[in-house]
Structure formats: C-alpha cells, structure tokens
C-alpha cells in the first residue's frame, strides 16, 4: 500500500521537476551498500571506469547484483509505487564516485538518452551511440517524460562536493537545445542531500554539478525507472523488475 505521505513528493516532482527525501536509508543500510560496492570495486570490466577524477560503474545492478536487496527497502519501494503503482522496472543503473580532490564537473544538460538492445531506424529515435557494447538513443519526448530518476546518496552532498545544481520547473519546457536556453537568467538551486537520503528528478530537468572543493567524497547510485513499453522492435537493455 502506498503511504499517503509520499504522494506529496509525486506532486513536487511533477511541479518542480525534483524532490529531496531524507533518511530513506539508515546508517547501517548505507554502510552495507558501501561494503558491497567496495568488494567488487577492483574489477577491470569495461563497465568500470576509473580515473583520478571519477569512478563509475555502468549497468550497476548487473555488475553488483547482491546490492539490490539492500537498495530496494520498504521505503524506496513505497516511493516508487507512488509514481508507478506496482508495474515499474529499472531501465538504467549507474554508480558514481567523485573522489575527495576531484576536478570533475558537468555542465548544464538534460538526460536525453536511453539504453536499448540494438540499433534500428525508427521514427522518433535519433542520435545513436554505442558505449560499453550498449546502444544509446534519444527517444521521443513521451518516453523521456515517463522516466523517473532516483539518486541514492551514500555521502553528505552539498555545493562543495558536487551536489547537483538544477533549474526548477525546467522539465516543463520539454526537450530544449542548450544553446537556446538562457541559463544565466534562470533560478538555480543546489540539491543538497544528506547521507541516506535520495533526490528524485525528471530527466528533462536541466542539471549540472561543480568540482569538489572541500575534500569530501561524493558517492551516488543513479537509478532510472519507467513503466513504458518501447516499440516492439526494441527493448530496454537494462530492463529489470524489482521483486
């Protein structure tokens, strides 16, 4: 059963494009998640990207399967059911670790691509790329609007260690070319999240992140969910239902 208290977050995400929820995970749960990731962190697989500024694991739930039972606790499932009912599934999963002295930053953008099983010429699907043997494509706007992103924070995150900066309500504009969007004259908010909290956002929300300046690590698990079917010729390459 969906907790009535979570419905306000659905309204907040629909209106502003994002919401922050504290204490979704306990300190013990976060520590268990961290340990599970660290056990596998020395892998040399293509999906593990390691530089001095960033450590990332793509196809995260596939590469670290034992973490699933830790991530999808009753609180997170309740939140997801508020958005989708019970018919939702994961469509993308990534782990990001921004080290203490990272110079990694990301300029303002929208998340416009999905991961699929193959490349096909289909109306409404464009800008194909391949990364780690996975096809990415920009789908039609309706598919993007149906996606909900949840970012699970394994560390306290603020303006000084790369918390996301966002432009509230910018998701309402649909797909926008960045060179036509006047970022400088928009309201900007830093989405600070405490360890164990989550940020929920819509992919079309304009967002960015700065370099780390306080020597504090920032680890985030980025999960995207949907309940949309793709054209019958295509499949979500990471589609994974949660029990």
C-alpha atoms as a PDB file:
ATOM      1  CA  UNK A   1       0.000   0.000   0.000  1.00  0.00           C
ATOM      2  CA  UNK A   2       1.286   3.472  -0.895  1.00  0.00           C
ATOM      3  CA  UNK A   3       1.959   5.736   2.077  1.00  0.00           C
ATOM      4  CA  UNK A   4      -0.056   8.939   1.723  1.00  0.00           C
ATOM      5  CA  UNK A   5       2.960  10.962   2.855  1.00  0.00           C
ATOM      6  CA  UNK A   6       4.863  10.008  -0.295  1.00  0.00           C
ATOM      7  CA  UNK A   7       2.178  11.382  -2.606  1.00  0.00           C
ATOM      8  CA  UNK A   8       3.326  14.932  -1.871  1.00  0.00           C
ATOM      9  CA  UNK A   9       6.687  14.066  -3.403  1.00  0.00           C
ATOM     10  CA  UNK A  10       4.980  12.946  -6.602  1.00  0.00           C
ATOM     11  CA  UNK A  11       3.270  16.333  -6.816  1.00  0.00           C
ATOM     12  CA  UNK A  12       6.543  18.100  -6.047  1.00  0.00           C
ATOM     13  CA  UNK A  13       8.382  16.229  -8.812  1.00  0.00           C
ATOM     14  CA  UNK A  14       5.583  16.851 -11.296  1.00  0.00           C
ATOM     15  CA  UNK A  15       5.558  20.577 -10.457  1.00  0.00           C
ATOM     16  CA  UNK A  16       9.221  21.413  -9.870  1.00  0.00           C
ATOM     17  CA  UNK A  17      10.938  18.506 -11.620  1.00  0.00           C
ATOM     18  CA  UNK A  18      12.649  17.245  -8.459  1.00  0.00           C
ATOM     19  CA  UNK A  19      12.288  16.437  -4.753  1.00  0.00           C
ATOM     20  CA  UNK A  20      14.676  15.549  -1.924  1.00  0.00           C
ATOM     21  CA  UNK A  21      13.685  12.982   0.718  1.00  0.00           C
ATOM     22  CA  UNK A  22      15.836  12.495   3.816  1.00  0.00           C
ATOM     23  CA  UNK A  23      16.515   9.275   5.743  1.00  0.00           C
ATOM     24  CA  UNK A  24      15.307   6.760   3.171  1.00  0.00           C
ATOM     25  CA  UNK A  25      18.216   4.556   4.300  1.00  0.00           C
ATOM     26  CA  UNK A  26      19.657   4.096   7.791  1.00  0.00           C
ATOM     27  CA  UNK A  27      23.372   4.474   8.529  1.00  0.00           C
ATOM     28  CA  UNK A  28      23.653   0.676   8.787  1.00  0.00           C
ATOM     29  CA  UNK A  29      21.979   0.221   5.405  1.00  0.00           C
ATOM     30  CA  UNK A  30      24.312   2.743   3.781  1.00  0.00           C
ATOM     31  CA  UNK A  31      27.349   1.051   5.291  1.00  0.00           C
ATOM     32  CA  UNK A  32      26.202  -2.344   3.985  1.00  0.00           C
ATOM     33  CA  UNK A  33      25.692  -0.869   0.489  1.00  0.00           C
ATOM     34  CA  UNK A  34      29.147   0.722   0.553  1.00  0.00           C
ATOM     35  CA  UNK A  35      30.805  -2.553   1.580  1.00  0.00           C
ATOM     36  CA  UNK A  36      29.043  -4.473  -1.195  1.00  0.00           C
ATOM     37  CA  UNK A  37      30.338  -1.991  -3.783  1.00  0.00           C
ATOM     38  CA  UNK A  38      33.869  -1.973  -2.372  1.00  0.00           C
ATOM     39  CA  UNK A  39      34.049  -5.785  -2.611  1.00  0.00           C
ATOM     40  CA  UNK A  40      33.754  -5.517  -6.406  1.00  0.00           C
ATOM     41  CA  UNK A  41      35.488  -2.177  -6.991  1.00  0.00           C
ATOM     42  CA  UNK A  42      38.738  -3.633  -8.388  1.00  0.00           C
ATOM     43  CA  UNK A  43      37.093  -5.155 -11.435  1.00  0.00           C
ATOM     44  CA  UNK A  44      38.730  -4.474 -14.810  1.00  0.00           C
ATOM     45  CA  UNK A  45      35.487  -4.841 -16.793  1.00  0.00           C
ATOM     46  CA  UNK A  46      34.598  -2.278 -19.455  1.00  0.00           C
ATOM     47  CA  UNK A  47      31.656  -1.117 -17.374  1.00  0.00           C
ATOM     48  CA  UNK A  48      34.030   0.017 -14.592  1.00  0.00           C
ATOM     49  CA  UNK A  49      35.519   3.426 -15.406  1.00  0.00           C
ATOM     50  CA  UNK A  50      38.370   4.636 -13.194  1.00  0.00           C
ATOM     51  CA  UNK A  51      40.191   7.966 -13.427  1.00  0.00           C
ATOM     52  CA  UNK A  52      41.675  10.292 -10.816  1.00  0.00           C
ATOM     53  CA  UNK A  53      38.505  12.409 -11.007  1.00  0.00           C
ATOM     54  CA  UNK A  54      35.787   9.776 -11.195  1.00  0.00           C
ATOM     55  CA  UNK A  55      34.989   6.121 -10.581  1.00  0.00           C
ATOM     56  CA  UNK A  56      31.820   4.935 -12.311  1.00  0.00           C
ATOM     57  CA  UNK A  57      30.108   1.578 -12.763  1.00  0.00           C
ATOM     58  CA  UNK A  58      27.627   1.332 -15.614  1.00  0.00           C
ATOM     59  CA  UNK A  59      24.975  -1.398 -15.639  1.00  0.00           C
ATOM     60  CA  UNK A  60      25.416  -1.203 -11.883  1.00  0.00           C
ATOM     61  CA  UNK A  61      22.697  -3.662 -10.815  1.00  0.00           C
ATOM     62  CA  UNK A  62      24.041  -6.245 -13.240  1.00  0.00           C
ATOM     63  CA  UNK A  63      27.647  -5.814 -12.110  1.00  0.00           C
ATOM     64  CA  UNK A  64      26.890  -5.634  -8.349  1.00  0.00           C
ATOM     65  CA  UNK A  65      23.795  -7.881  -8.133  1.00  0.00           C
ATOM     66  CA  UNK A  66      23.896  -8.504  -4.402  1.00  0.00           C
ATOM     67  CA  UNK A  67      23.310  -4.807  -3.691  1.00  0.00           C
ATOM     68  CA  UNK A  68      19.722  -4.993  -4.981  1.00  0.00           C
ATOM     69  CA  UNK A  69      18.270  -6.450  -1.788  1.00  0.00           C
ATOM     70  CA  UNK A  70      19.898  -3.613   0.164  1.00  0.00           C
ATOM     71  CA  UNK A  71      18.725  -0.809  -2.123  1.00  0.00           C
ATOM     72  CA  UNK A  72      15.074  -1.704  -2.500  1.00  0.00           C
ATOM     73  CA  UNK A  73      13.923  -1.436   1.077  1.00  0.00           C
ATOM     74  CA  UNK A  74      10.273  -0.883   2.009  1.00  0.00           C
ATOM     75  CA  UNK A  75      10.626   2.910   1.966  1.00  0.00           C
ATOM     76  CA  UNK A  76      12.083   3.078  -1.533  1.00  0.00           C
ATOM     77  CA  UNK A  77       9.531   0.628  -2.905  1.00  0.00           C
ATOM     78  CA  UNK A  78       6.743   2.702  -1.391  1.00  0.00           C
ATOM     79  CA  UNK A  79       8.093   5.831  -3.075  1.00  0.00           C
ATOM     80  CA  UNK A  80       8.318   4.066  -6.433  1.00  0.00           C
ATOM     81  CA  UNK A  81       4.774   2.753  -6.124  1.00  0.00           C
ATOM     82  CA  UNK A  82       3.602   6.325  -5.552  1.00  0.00           C
ATOM     83  CA  UNK A  83       4.857   7.162  -9.053  1.00  0.00           C
ATOM     84  CA  UNK A  84       4.110   3.984 -10.980  1.00  0.00           C
ATOM     85  CA  UNK A  85       1.939   1.617  -8.988  1.00  0.00           C
ATOM     86  CA  UNK A  86       3.456  -1.864  -8.986  1.00  0.00           C
ATOM     87  CA  UNK A  87       4.228  -2.053 -12.713  1.00  0.00           C
ATOM     88  CA  UNK A  88       7.619  -0.368 -12.837  1.00  0.00           C
ATOM     89  CA  UNK A  89      11.106  -1.533 -13.733  1.00  0.00           C
ATOM     90  CA  UNK A  90      14.682  -0.272 -13.789  1.00  0.00           C
ATOM     91  CA  UNK A  91      15.877   0.975 -17.186  1.00  0.00           C
ATOM     92  CA  UNK A  92      19.328   2.287 -16.245  1.00  0.00           C
ATOM     93  CA  UNK A  93      21.666   1.988 -13.257  1.00  0.00           C
ATOM     94  CA  UNK A  94      24.991   3.764 -12.667  1.00  0.00           C
ATOM     95  CA  UNK A  95      27.253   4.228  -9.661  1.00  0.00           C
ATOM     96  CA  UNK A  96      29.271   7.458  -9.408  1.00  0.00           C
ATOM     97  CA  UNK A  97      32.144   8.060  -7.003  1.00  0.00           C
ATOM     98  CA  UNK A  98      33.607  11.576  -7.119  1.00  0.00           C
ATOM     99  CA  UNK A  99      36.864  11.436  -5.070  1.00  0.00           C
ATOM    100  CA  UNK A 100      37.865  13.997  -2.460  1.00  0.00           C
ATOM    101  CA  UNK A 101      40.042  16.086  -4.804  1.00  0.00           C
ATOM    102  CA  UNK A 102      38.050  15.619  -7.978  1.00  0.00           C
ATOM    103  CA  UNK A 103      38.117  18.305 -10.674  1.00  0.00           C
ATOM    104  CA  UNK A 104      35.254  16.571 -12.473  1.00  0.00           C
ATOM    105  CA  UNK A 105      32.360  18.857 -13.332  1.00  0.00           C
ATOM    106  CA  UNK A 106      29.336  18.539 -15.586  1.00  0.00           C
ATOM    107  CA  UNK A 107      27.768  21.477 -17.427  1.00  0.00           C
ATOM    108  CA  UNK A 108      24.027  22.053 -17.566  1.00  0.00           C
ATOM    109  CA  UNK A 109      22.181  19.443 -19.612  1.00  0.00           C
ATOM    110  CA  UNK A 110      19.099  17.251 -19.831  1.00  0.00           C
ATOM    111  CA  UNK A 111      19.273  13.436 -19.744  1.00  0.00           C
ATOM    112  CA  UNK A 112      18.054  12.662 -23.241  1.00  0.00           C
ATOM    113  CA  UNK A 113      19.150   9.097 -23.960  1.00  0.00           C
ATOM    114  CA  UNK A 114      18.008   5.609 -23.029  1.00  0.00           C
ATOM    115  CA  UNK A 115      19.840   2.275 -23.299  1.00  0.00           C
ATOM    116  CA  UNK A 116      18.415  -0.286 -25.726  1.00  0.00           C
ATOM    117  CA  UNK A 117      19.321  -3.719 -27.054  1.00  0.00           C
ATOM    118  CA  UNK A 118      20.102  -2.835 -30.689  1.00  0.00           C
ATOM    119  CA  UNK A 119      20.208  -0.064 -33.286  1.00  0.00           C
ATOM    120  CA  UNK A 120      17.264   0.341 -35.640  1.00  0.00           C
ATOM    121  CA  UNK A 121      15.908   3.106 -37.834  1.00  0.00           C
ATOM    122  CA  UNK A 122      12.656   4.003 -36.059  1.00  0.00           C
ATOM    123  CA  UNK A 123      10.687   7.231 -36.266  1.00  0.00           C
ATOM    124  CA  UNK A 124      11.212   9.373 -33.198  1.00  0.00           C
ATOM    125  CA  UNK A 125      14.535   7.730 -32.250  1.00  0.00           C
ATOM    126  CA  UNK A 126      17.771   9.572 -33.097  1.00  0.00           C
ATOM    127  CA  UNK A 127      21.361  10.369 -32.078  1.00  0.00           C
ATOM    128  CA  UNK A 128      22.537   6.766 -31.721  1.00  0.00           C
ATOM    129  CA  UNK A 129      25.779   5.978 -29.872  1.00  0.00           C
ATOM    130  CA  UNK A 130      27.497   2.849 -28.543  1.00  0.00           C
ATOM    131  CA  UNK A 131      29.248   2.659 -25.163  1.00  0.00           C
ATOM    132  CA  UNK A 132      30.440  -0.489 -23.375  1.00  0.00           C
ATOM    133  CA  UNK A 133      28.667  -2.584 -26.036  1.00  0.00           C
ATOM    134  CA  UNK A 134      25.400  -0.866 -25.160  1.00  0.00           C
ATOM    135  CA  UNK A 135      23.318   1.166 -27.601  1.00  0.00           C
ATOM    136  CA  UNK A 136      22.067   4.579 -26.516  1.00  0.00           C
ATOM    137  CA  UNK A 137      19.480   6.621 -28.350  1.00  0.00           C
ATOM    138  CA  UNK A 138      17.345   9.709 -27.879  1.00  0.00           C
ATOM    139  CA  UNK A 139      13.718   8.519 -27.914  1.00  0.00           C
ATOM    140  CA  UNK A 140      10.583  10.556 -28.388  1.00  0.00           C
ATOM    141  CA  UNK A 141       9.664  13.007 -25.666  1.00  0.00           C
ATOM    142  CA  UNK A 142       6.801  10.930 -24.248  1.00  0.00           C
ATOM    143  CA  UNK A 143       9.162   8.104 -23.301  1.00  0.00           C
ATOM    144  CA  UNK A 144      11.513  10.551 -21.556  1.00  0.00           C
ATOM    145  CA  UNK A 145       8.630  12.168 -19.679  1.00  0.00           C
ATOM    146  CA  UNK A 146       7.655   8.788 -18.247  1.00  0.00           C
ATOM    147  CA  UNK A 147      11.088   8.144 -16.696  1.00  0.00           C
ATOM    148  CA  UNK A 148      11.772   8.930 -13.033  1.00  0.00           C
ATOM    149  CA  UNK A 149      15.361   9.116 -11.781  1.00  0.00           C
ATOM    150  CA  UNK A 150      16.266   8.350  -8.169  1.00  0.00           C
ATOM    151  CA  UNK A 151      19.728   9.254  -6.877  1.00  0.00           C
ATOM    152  CA  UNK A 152      20.692   7.450  -3.654  1.00  0.00           C
ATOM    153  CA  UNK A 153      23.330   9.371  -1.687  1.00  0.00           C
ATOM    154  CA  UNK A 154      25.979   7.385   0.168  1.00  0.00           C
ATOM    155  CA  UNK A 155      27.647  10.566   1.492  1.00  0.00           C
ATOM    156  CA  UNK A 156      26.516  14.003   2.620  1.00  0.00           C
ATOM    157  CA  UNK A 157      26.415  16.116  -0.530  1.00  0.00           C
ATOM    158  CA  UNK A 158      26.395  19.896  -0.837  1.00  0.00           C
ATOM    159  CA  UNK A 159      27.644  22.741  -3.039  1.00  0.00           C
ATOM    160  CA  UNK A 160      31.258  21.988  -2.104  1.00  0.00           C
ATOM    161  CA  UNK A 161      31.445  18.340  -3.176  1.00  0.00           C
ATOM    162  CA  UNK A 162      29.377  18.234  -6.323  1.00  0.00           C
ATOM    163  CA  UNK A 163      25.710  18.307  -5.339  1.00  0.00           C
ATOM    164  CA  UNK A 164      23.504  18.666  -8.382  1.00  0.00           C
ATOM    165  CA  UNK A 165      22.557  22.202  -9.369  1.00  0.00           C
ATOM    166  CA  UNK A 166      19.158  22.342 -11.004  1.00  0.00           C
ATOM    167  CA  UNK A 167      16.817  24.812 -12.701  1.00  0.00           C
ATOM    168  CA  UNK A 168      13.393  24.223 -11.073  1.00  0.00           C
ATOM    169  CA  UNK A 169      10.481  23.587 -13.461  1.00  0.00           C
ATOM    170  CA  UNK A 170      12.792  23.487 -16.491  1.00  0.00           C
ATOM    171  CA  UNK A 171      11.454  19.982 -17.270  1.00  0.00           C
ATOM    172  CA  UNK A 172       8.186  21.619 -18.335  1.00  0.00           C
ATOM    173  CA  UNK A 173       9.871  23.047 -21.434  1.00  0.00           C
ATOM    174  CA  UNK A 174      10.337  19.612 -22.990  1.00  0.00           C
ATOM    175  CA  UNK A 175      13.479  18.844 -24.988  1.00  0.00           C
ATOM    176  CA  UNK A 176      15.454  22.075 -25.344  1.00  0.00           C
ATOM    177  CA  UNK A 177      18.672  22.840 -27.202  1.00  0.00           C
ATOM    178  CA  UNK A 178      21.122  24.135 -24.598  1.00  0.00           C
ATOM    179  CA  UNK A 179      22.285  26.964 -26.877  1.00  0.00           C
ATOM    180  CA  UNK A 180      18.728  28.347 -26.915  1.00  0.00           C
ATOM    181  CA  UNK A 181      18.240  28.156 -23.132  1.00  0.00           C
ATOM    182  CA  UNK A 182      19.230  31.262 -21.151  1.00  0.00           C
ATOM    183  CA  UNK A 183      20.821  29.554 -18.150  1.00  0.00           C
ATOM    184  CA  UNK A 184      22.277  32.748 -16.660  1.00  0.00           C
ATOM    185  CA  UNK A 185      18.852  34.296 -16.081  1.00  0.00           C
ATOM    186  CA  UNK A 186      17.256  31.205 -14.508  1.00  0.00           C
ATOM    187  CA  UNK A 187      16.765  30.436 -10.822  1.00  0.00           C
ATOM    188  CA  UNK A 188      19.405  27.918  -9.721  1.00  0.00           C
ATOM    189  CA  UNK A 189      19.153  25.613  -6.707  1.00  0.00           C
ATOM    190  CA  UNK A 190      21.735  23.297  -5.160  1.00  0.00           C
ATOM    191  CA  UNK A 191      20.122  19.964  -4.263  1.00  0.00           C
ATOM    192  CA  UNK A 192      21.960  19.196  -1.051  1.00  0.00           C
ATOM    193  CA  UNK A 193      21.217  15.673   0.205  1.00  0.00           C
ATOM    194  CA  UNK A 194      22.258  14.045   3.468  1.00  0.00           C
ATOM    195  CA  UNK A 195      23.784  10.566   3.565  1.00  0.00           C
ATOM    196  CA  UNK A 196      20.945   8.070   3.327  1.00  0.00           C
ATOM    197  CA  UNK A 197      18.658  10.496   1.540  1.00  0.00           C
ATOM    198  CA  UNK A 198      17.564  10.493  -2.077  1.00  0.00           C
ATOM    199  CA  UNK A 199      16.939  13.004  -4.818  1.00  0.00           C
ATOM    200  CA  UNK A 200      14.132  12.297  -7.278  1.00  0.00           C
ATOM    201  CA  UNK A 201      14.178  14.087 -10.623  1.00  0.00           C
ATOM    202  CA  UNK A 202      12.763  14.105 -14.123  1.00  0.00           C
ATOM    203  CA  UNK A 203      15.338  13.541 -16.908  1.00  0.00           C
ATOM    204  CA  UNK A 204      14.263  16.696 -18.754  1.00  0.00           C
ATOM    205  CA  UNK A 205      15.150  18.873 -15.748  1.00  0.00           C
ATOM    206  CA  UNK A 206      18.262  20.942 -16.513  1.00  0.00           C
ATOM    207  CA  UNK A 207      21.008  19.916 -14.088  1.00  0.00           C
ATOM    208  CA  UNK A 208      24.772  20.276 -13.586  1.00  0.00           C
ATOM    209  CA  UNK A 209      27.471  19.706 -10.945  1.00  0.00           C
ATOM    210  CA  UNK A 210      30.645  21.515  -9.900  1.00  0.00           C
ATOM    211  CA  UNK A 211      34.145  20.407  -8.975  1.00  0.00           C
ATOM    212  CA  UNK A 212      34.824  19.226  -5.427  1.00  0.00           C
ATOM    213  CA  UNK A 213      36.311  21.984  -3.232  1.00  0.00           C
ATOM    214  CA  UNK A 214      36.048  20.625   0.338  1.00  0.00           C
ATOM    215  CA  UNK A 215      37.983  17.345   0.061  1.00  0.00           C
ATOM    216  CA  UNK A 216      34.819  15.374   0.778  1.00  0.00           C
ATOM    217  CA  UNK A 217      33.912  12.297  -1.243  1.00  0.00           C
ATOM    218  CA  UNK A 218      30.574  12.065  -3.097  1.00  0.00           C
ATOM    219  CA  UNK A 219      29.137   8.627  -3.901  1.00  0.00           C
ATOM    220  CA  UNK A 220      25.757   8.339  -5.618  1.00  0.00           C
ATOM    221  CA  UNK A 221      23.735   5.464  -7.090  1.00  0.00           C
ATOM    222  CA  UNK A 222      21.745   6.705 -10.092  1.00  0.00           C
ATOM    223  CA  UNK A 223      18.688   4.601 -10.971  1.00  0.00           C
ATOM    224  CA  UNK A 224      16.166   5.306 -13.740  1.00  0.00           C
ATOM    225  CA  UNK A 225      12.675   3.777 -13.728  1.00  0.00           C
ATOM    226  CA  UNK A 226       9.818   3.545 -16.195  1.00  0.00           C
ATOM    227  CA  UNK A 227       6.721   1.526 -16.982  1.00  0.00           C
ATOM    228  CA  UNK A 228       6.662   2.394 -20.700  1.00  0.00           C
ATOM    229  CA  UNK A 229       6.955  -0.190 -23.448  1.00  0.00           C
ATOM    230  CA  UNK A 230       9.269   0.619 -26.338  1.00  0.00           C
ATOM    231  CA  UNK A 231       8.311  -0.041 -29.974  1.00  0.00           C
ATOM    232  CA  UNK A 232       8.100  -3.807 -30.405  1.00  0.00           C
ATOM    233  CA  UNK A 233      11.363  -3.943 -32.366  1.00  0.00           C
ATOM    234  CA  UNK A 234      13.335  -2.538 -29.387  1.00  0.00           C
ATOM    235  CA  UNK A 235      13.900  -3.499 -25.753  1.00  0.00           C
ATOM    236  CA  UNK A 236      15.333  -1.649 -22.771  1.00  0.00           C
ATOM    237  CA  UNK A 237      18.822  -3.144 -22.474  1.00  0.00           C
ATOM    238  CA  UNK A 238      18.836  -2.940 -18.672  1.00  0.00           C
ATOM    239  CA  UNK A 239      15.166  -3.654 -18.007  1.00  0.00           C
ATOM    240  CA  UNK A 240      14.927  -5.237 -14.588  1.00  0.00           C
ATOM    241  CA  UNK A 241      11.845  -5.742 -12.442  1.00  0.00           C
ATOM    242  CA  UNK A 242      12.083  -5.434  -8.679  1.00  0.00           C
ATOM    243  CA  UNK A 243      10.544  -8.180  -6.565  1.00  0.00           C
END
